[in-house]
Protein backbone atom coordinates (compact mmCIF):
# COMPACT_ATOMS: atom_id res chain seq x y z
CA MET A 1 0.00 0.00 0.00
CA ALA A 2 1.80 3.09 -1.25
CA GLY A 3 2.43 5.74 1.37
CA ALA A 4 1.13 3.60 4.24
CA GLU A 5 2.79 3.68 7.64
CA PRO A 6 4.91 0.67 8.64
CA LEU A 7 2.84 -1.95 10.44
CA ASP A 8 3.65 -2.64 14.07
CA ARG A 9 4.04 -6.14 15.48
CA ASN A 10 0.80 -5.97 17.51
CA THR A 11 -1.27 -5.23 14.41
CA LEU A 12 0.39 -8.03 12.45
CA GLU A 13 -0.09 -10.46 15.32
CA ALA A 14 -3.77 -9.56 15.51
CA ALA A 15 -4.10 -10.27 11.77
CA ALA A 16 -2.34 -13.60 12.29
CA ARG A 17 -4.77 -14.50 15.09
CA TRP A 18 -7.75 -13.69 12.89
CA TYR A 19 -6.29 -15.77 10.06
CA VAL A 20 -6.00 -18.82 12.31
CA GLU A 21 -9.40 -18.25 13.90
CA LEU A 22 -11.22 -17.96 10.57
CA ARG A 23 -9.56 -21.09 9.23
CA CYS A 24 -10.50 -23.04 12.37
CA GLN A 25 -13.98 -21.68 13.06
CA ALA A 26 -15.56 -19.62 10.28
CA ASP A 27 -19.05 -19.24 11.79
CA ASP A 28 -21.20 -16.12 11.38
CA SER A 29 -20.29 -14.59 14.74
CA THR A 30 -16.55 -15.03 14.10
CA ARG A 31 -16.84 -13.48 10.63
CA ALA A 32 -18.85 -10.56 11.97
CA ALA A 33 -16.28 -9.89 14.69
CA HIS A 34 -13.51 -10.07 12.12
CA GLN A 35 -15.32 -7.57 9.90
CA ARG A 36 -15.65 -5.14 12.83
CA TRP A 37 -11.93 -5.49 13.50
CA LEU A 38 -11.11 -4.76 9.84
CA LEU A 39 -13.19 -1.58 9.82
CA SER A 40 -11.97 -0.27 13.15
CA ASP A 41 -8.54 0.87 11.94
CA PRO A 42 -7.00 1.39 8.45
CA ARG A 43 -3.90 -0.47 9.63
CA HIS A 44 -6.00 -3.57 10.22
CA LEU A 45 -7.07 -3.66 6.57
CA GLN A 46 -3.48 -3.00 5.49
CA ALA A 47 -2.25 -5.95 7.57
CA TRP A 48 -5.02 -8.18 6.26
CA GLU A 49 -4.22 -7.34 2.64
CA ARG A 50 -0.55 -8.13 3.22
CA LEU A 51 -1.60 -11.47 4.68
CA ALA A 52 -3.87 -12.20 1.71
CA ARG A 53 -1.09 -11.46 -0.79
CA LEU A 54 1.08 -14.03 1.02
CA GLN A 55 -1.59 -16.73 0.96
CA GLY A 56 0.57 -19.15 -1.05
CA LYS A 57 3.42 -19.02 1.47
CA LEU A 58 1.03 -19.30 4.42
CA ALA A 59 -0.45 -22.47 2.97
CA GLN A 60 3.06 -23.97 3.01
CA VAL A 61 3.88 -23.11 6.64
CA THR A 62 0.42 -23.88 8.10
CA PRO A 63 -0.83 -26.96 6.18
CA GLY A 64 -2.77 -28.38 9.12
CA ILE A 65 -4.37 -25.20 10.31
CA ALA A 66 -7.96 -26.44 10.06
CA ARG A 67 -7.42 -29.70 11.91
CA PRO A 68 -9.35 -30.46 15.10
CA THR A 69 -6.05 -30.57 17.02
CA LEU A 70 -5.97 -26.78 16.83
CA SER A 71 -8.78 -26.60 19.36
CA SER A 72 -6.20 -26.14 22.13
CA ALA A 73 -4.92 -22.65 22.87
CA ARG A 74 -1.31 -23.81 22.66
CA ALA A 75 -1.75 -25.34 19.21
CA LYS A 76 -3.47 -22.20 17.93
CA ARG A 77 -0.69 -20.06 19.37
CA ARG A 78 1.93 -22.06 17.45
CA GLU A 79 0.05 -21.46 14.21
CA VAL A 80 -0.34 -17.75 14.99
CA LEU A 81 3.42 -17.45 15.48
CA LYS A 82 4.07 -19.20 12.14
CA VAL A 83 1.79 -16.75 10.34
CA LEU A 84 3.30 -13.80 12.20
CA SER A 85 6.82 -14.82 11.18
CA VAL A 86 5.81 -14.80 7.51
CA LEU A 87 4.22 -11.35 7.86
CA LEU A 88 7.26 -9.91 9.65
CA VAL A 89 9.80 -11.24 7.14
CA ALA A 90 7.63 -10.15 4.21
CA GLY A 91 7.56 -6.64 5.67
CA ALA A 92 11.35 -6.59 5.95
CA THR A 93 11.89 -7.85 2.38
CA GLY A 94 9.00 -6.15 0.66
CA GLY A 95 7.45 -9.57 0.09
CA VAL A 96 9.96 -10.39 -2.66
CA VAL A 97 11.34 -13.61 -1.25
CA LEU A 98 8.14 -14.92 0.23
CA ARG A 99 5.77 -14.43 -2.67
CA ASP A 100 5.61 -18.11 -3.45
CA GLY A 101 9.08 -18.24 -4.80
CA GLY A 102 12.31 -16.35 -4.39
CA VAL A 103 14.76 -14.07 -6.08
CA ALA A 104 15.39 -16.57 -8.90
CA ARG A 105 11.75 -16.41 -9.93
CA LEU A 106 11.65 -12.64 -9.63
CA MET A 107 14.70 -12.40 -11.92
CA ALA A 108 13.43 -14.95 -14.47
CA ASP A 109 13.86 -14.16 -18.17
CA VAL A 110 10.08 -14.08 -18.67
CA ARG A 111 7.31 -14.16 -16.10
CA THR A 112 3.66 -13.34 -15.53
CA GLY A 113 1.76 -12.06 -12.51
CA VAL A 114 -1.34 -13.57 -10.96
CA GLY A 115 -4.15 -13.47 -13.53
CA GLU A 116 -1.79 -12.52 -16.37
CA GLN A 117 -0.90 -14.52 -19.49
CA ARG A 118 1.81 -13.87 -22.04
CA SER A 119 2.81 -15.27 -25.44
CA LEU A 120 6.16 -14.95 -27.21
CA ARG A 121 8.13 -16.33 -30.13
CA LEU A 122 11.50 -17.86 -29.26
CA ASP A 123 14.65 -17.39 -31.34
CA ASP A 124 14.17 -20.69 -33.19
CA GLY A 125 10.55 -19.92 -34.08
CA SER A 126 9.02 -22.01 -31.30
CA GLN A 127 5.97 -20.52 -29.60
CA LEU A 128 5.77 -20.17 -25.81
CA GLN A 129 2.69 -19.19 -23.82
CA LEU A 130 2.87 -18.52 -20.07
CA ASN A 131 -0.15 -19.02 -17.87
CA THR A 132 -0.87 -17.12 -14.65
CA ASP A 133 1.89 -16.62 -12.06
CA THR A 134 4.62 -18.28 -14.14
CA ALA A 135 8.40 -17.79 -14.35
CA VAL A 136 10.71 -19.21 -17.04
CA ASP A 137 14.41 -18.98 -17.85
CA ILE A 138 15.45 -19.44 -21.50
CA ARG A 139 18.76 -21.22 -22.17
CA TYR A 140 19.61 -21.55 -25.86
CA ASP A 141 23.14 -22.38 -27.01
CA GLY A 142 24.87 -24.27 -29.81
CA GLN A 143 23.82 -27.68 -28.44
CA TRP A 144 20.50 -27.25 -26.66
CA ARG A 145 17.23 -25.38 -26.69
CA ALA A 146 16.30 -25.43 -23.02
CA LEU A 147 13.65 -23.80 -20.85
CA GLU A 148 13.68 -23.89 -17.07
CA LEU A 149 10.17 -23.67 -15.67
CA LEU A 150 10.70 -22.17 -12.22
CA LYS A 151 7.03 -21.85 -11.43
CA GLY A 152 3.60 -22.05 -13.04
CA GLU A 153 2.47 -23.43 -16.38
CA ILE A 154 3.53 -23.13 -20.02
CA LEU A 155 2.25 -24.23 -23.42
CA VAL A 156 4.99 -24.96 -25.96
CA GLN A 157 4.71 -25.36 -29.73
CA THR A 158 8.16 -26.40 -30.95
CA ALA A 159 9.58 -25.44 -34.34
CA SER A 160 12.06 -27.42 -36.42
CA ASP A 161 15.63 -26.37 -35.76
CA ALA A 162 18.31 -25.90 -38.43
CA LEU A 163 20.95 -27.09 -35.94
CA SER A 164 18.87 -30.12 -34.86
CA ARG A 165 19.21 -29.10 -31.22
CA PRO A 166 17.01 -30.99 -28.74
CA PHE A 167 14.22 -28.98 -27.09
CA ILE A 168 13.96 -29.65 -23.35
CA VAL A 169 11.92 -28.17 -20.49
CA HIS A 170 13.52 -28.56 -17.05
CA THR A 171 11.60 -28.34 -13.78
CA GLY A 172 12.58 -28.99 -10.18
CA GLN A 173 11.30 -32.54 -10.58
CA GLY A 174 12.92 -33.58 -13.86
CA SER A 175 12.87 -32.86 -17.59
CA VAL A 176 10.57 -33.08 -20.61
CA ARG A 177 12.10 -33.57 -24.06
CA ALA A 178 9.97 -32.60 -27.04
CA LEU A 179 9.68 -34.95 -29.99
CA GLY A 180 8.34 -32.45 -32.53
CA THR A 181 5.33 -31.54 -30.47
CA ARG A 182 2.81 -29.26 -28.77
CA PHE A 183 2.59 -29.80 -25.04
CA ILE A 184 1.90 -28.28 -21.62
CA VAL A 185 4.11 -28.41 -18.54
CA ARG A 186 2.78 -27.35 -15.14
CA CYS A 187 4.55 -27.19 -11.77
CA ASP A 188 2.40 -27.61 -8.66
CA ALA A 189 4.46 -27.53 -5.44
CA ASP A 190 6.65 -30.67 -5.69
CA VAL A 191 4.89 -32.21 -8.70
CA THR A 192 5.21 -31.63 -12.45
CA ARG A 193 2.38 -32.48 -14.84
CA VAL A 194 2.85 -32.93 -18.58
CA CYS A 195 -0.02 -32.88 -21.08
CA VAL A 196 0.74 -33.79 -24.71
CA LEU A 197 -1.50 -32.22 -27.35
CA GLN A 198 0.42 -33.27 -30.48
CA HIS A 199 3.10 -35.89 -31.23
CA ALA A 200 5.03 -37.01 -28.11
CA VAL A 201 7.53 -36.18 -25.36
CA GLN A 202 10.08 -38.10 -23.29
CA VAL A 203 9.93 -37.51 -19.53
CA ARG A 204 12.65 -38.19 -16.96
CA SER A 205 12.46 -37.60 -13.22
CA ALA A 206 15.44 -35.93 -11.55
CA GLN A 207 16.61 -39.10 -9.81
CA SER A 208 16.01 -41.59 -12.63
CA MET A 209 17.64 -42.08 -16.01
CA ALA A 210 14.71 -44.12 -17.34
CA ALA A 211 12.56 -42.17 -19.80
CA VAL A 212 8.80 -42.48 -20.18
CA ARG A 213 7.25 -41.67 -23.55
CA VAL A 214 3.97 -39.75 -23.43
CA GLU A 215 1.92 -39.60 -26.62
CA ALA A 216 -0.65 -37.11 -27.90
CA GLY A 217 -3.85 -37.35 -25.88
CA GLN A 218 -2.01 -38.48 -22.76
CA GLN A 219 -0.77 -36.88 -19.55
CA LEU A 220 1.67 -37.78 -16.78
CA GLN A 221 2.52 -36.50 -13.30
CA PHE A 222 5.93 -37.04 -11.70
CA ASN A 223 8.13 -35.88 -8.85
CA THR A 224 11.87 -36.09 -8.27
CA GLU A 225 11.74 -39.76 -7.31
CA LYS A 226 9.08 -41.49 -9.39
CA MET A 227 6.71 -41.33 -12.31
CA GLY A 228 2.95 -41.57 -12.09
CA ASN A 229 0.90 -43.56 -14.55
CA VAL A 230 0.25 -42.32 -18.06
CA THR A 231 -3.46 -41.44 -18.23
CA PRO A 232 -5.87 -40.00 -20.82
CA LEU A 233 -5.60 -36.25 -21.27
CA ALA A 234 -8.05 -34.13 -19.29
CA VAL A 235 -10.88 -32.50 -21.23
CA MET A 236 -9.68 -29.31 -22.98
CA ALA A 237 -6.38 -29.26 -21.08
CA ASP A 238 -5.24 -26.24 -23.10
CA ALA A 239 -8.44 -24.23 -22.56
CA TRP A 240 -6.53 -21.82 -20.30
CA SER A 241 -4.58 -20.63 -23.36
CA ARG A 242 -7.90 -19.17 -24.56
CA GLU A 243 -8.71 -17.78 -21.09
CA MET A 244 -11.18 -20.58 -20.40
CA LEU A 245 -11.52 -23.20 -17.67
CA ILE A 246 -13.45 -26.31 -18.75
CA VAL A 247 -14.56 -28.67 -15.99
CA ASP A 248 -16.39 -31.99 -16.25
CA ASP A 249 -17.93 -33.26 -13.01
CA TRP A 250 -15.36 -31.53 -10.78
CA ARG A 251 -15.76 -31.00 -7.06
CA LEU A 252 -16.56 -27.37 -6.25
CA ALA A 253 -13.52 -27.23 -3.96
CA ASP A 254 -11.29 -28.19 -6.90
CA VAL A 255 -12.90 -25.59 -9.16
CA VAL A 256 -12.34 -22.88 -6.55
CA SER A 257 -8.74 -24.04 -6.04
CA GLU A 258 -8.12 -23.73 -9.78
CA LEU A 259 -9.74 -20.28 -9.93
CA GLN A 260 -7.50 -19.20 -7.02
CA ARG A 261 -4.51 -19.40 -9.36
CA TYR A 262 -5.92 -16.51 -11.39
CA ARG A 263 -7.01 -14.25 -8.53
CA PRO A 264 -4.73 -12.23 -6.20
CA GLY A 265 -5.28 -12.83 -2.49
CA TYR A 266 -7.31 -15.60 -0.91
CA LEU A 267 -10.18 -17.46 -2.58
CA GLY A 268 -11.46 -20.32 -0.46
CA CYS A 269 -14.29 -22.83 -0.32
CA ASP A 270 -16.27 -23.95 2.72
CA GLU A 271 -15.90 -27.69 3.36
CA ALA A 272 -19.69 -27.92 3.69
CA VAL A 273 -20.11 -27.27 -0.05
CA GLY A 274 -16.72 -28.39 -1.36
CA GLY A 275 -18.07 -31.77 -2.43
CA LEU A 276 -20.76 -30.38 -4.74
CA ARG A 277 -20.21 -31.50 -8.35
CA LEU A 278 -19.92 -29.05 -11.20
CA SER A 279 -19.52 -29.07 -14.99
CA GLY A 280 -19.20 -26.08 -17.27
CA ALA A 281 -17.06 -23.53 -19.09
CA PHE A 282 -15.80 -20.45 -17.25
CA HIS A 283 -14.12 -17.34 -18.64
CA LEU A 284 -10.99 -16.56 -16.66
CA GLY A 285 -11.01 -12.90 -17.66
CA ASP A 286 -13.71 -11.96 -15.11
CA LEU A 287 -13.69 -14.14 -12.02
CA ASP A 288 -16.24 -11.98 -10.19
CA ILE A 289 -18.82 -12.96 -12.81
CA VAL A 290 -17.74 -16.60 -12.58
CA LEU A 291 -18.22 -16.58 -8.81
CA GLU A 292 -21.62 -14.91 -9.03
CA ASN A 293 -22.73 -17.47 -11.62
CA LEU A 294 -21.95 -20.24 -9.14
CA THR A 295 -24.72 -18.89 -6.92
CA THR A 296 -27.30 -19.39 -9.70
CA THR A 297 -26.51 -23.07 -10.22
CA LEU A 298 -25.46 -24.24 -6.76
CA PRO A 299 -26.74 -23.66 -3.20
CA VAL A 300 -23.86 -21.33 -2.35
CA ARG A 301 -23.18 -17.68 -1.63
CA ILE A 302 -20.07 -15.53 -2.08
CA ARG A 303 -18.69 -13.81 1.02
CA ARG A 304 -16.21 -10.98 0.49
CA PHE A 305 -14.33 -9.85 3.58
CA SER A 306 -12.08 -7.47 1.61
CA ARG A 307 -10.77 -7.02 -1.89
CA TYR A 308 -8.22 -9.79 -1.27
CA TRP A 309 -10.31 -12.24 0.76
CA THR A 310 -13.26 -14.12 -0.80
CA ARG A 311 -14.94 -17.33 0.25
CA VAL A 312 -17.57 -19.62 -1.31
CA GLU A 313 -19.96 -20.77 1.41
CA ALA A 314 -23.26 -22.60 1.85
CA GLY A 315 -26.16 -20.45 0.65
């Protein structure tokens, strides 16, 4: 927030307590009390918006925050201190290191912000499209055409190369070698997913020399240690490249989780409605409309606590 005063520890700790409390017990009285706290002081909203922008990092340091074991005051206090530590360090660094990544991602050759997409033509004529919140380094030399996907998701359409250099995408979990192809690579936490749209690719995990061939119409997930099974490609896996999300009998919680990738801040789903099933096509260019449309087809409502904090709840 430009021109805002530095946030004191007490304000940040209060925001951390509210974060833990809402994740553990999001009933109407708790939400109303939280709303009163937000409106009582501009610094409260400032602290809450900082917290929302760091949602990805908070999910990493507090994975069990909604478990019943947090009913004890001591357990809740531990989680509050974890959240507070993230807020304090983010304030000291401007949020650069903690925004779901690090300096390497910030300094990537090409990158996109949350909700942004970008297309470019590489030196060899190959086409590269970056999805939301993605960072890529480009490493072309006399022997290789290599991309390092640091974060996010890309769609690659390779071109023939006069030097016959292999085209490879590296991730933290392994590598994907193109065999004259059009394909998608996505990094989710410690897992890489490959979707092949045309021709084929060869996939290797970081700790294995054995390659797995994935053909058009197939997909594969892998981590550093092992490969998953080759399975049929998901419906319209490249729909995001046209700013669309196509779902076929998805759980509402999974739909909301996917939409979260395209929206700054926190977008959550109440467990009470997370199991509802949903099919449809959604335009990623206006998520507010997408969320409102959910209320016309499902027994849900949209609760907005601030610009950066939205939740899908039982209607």
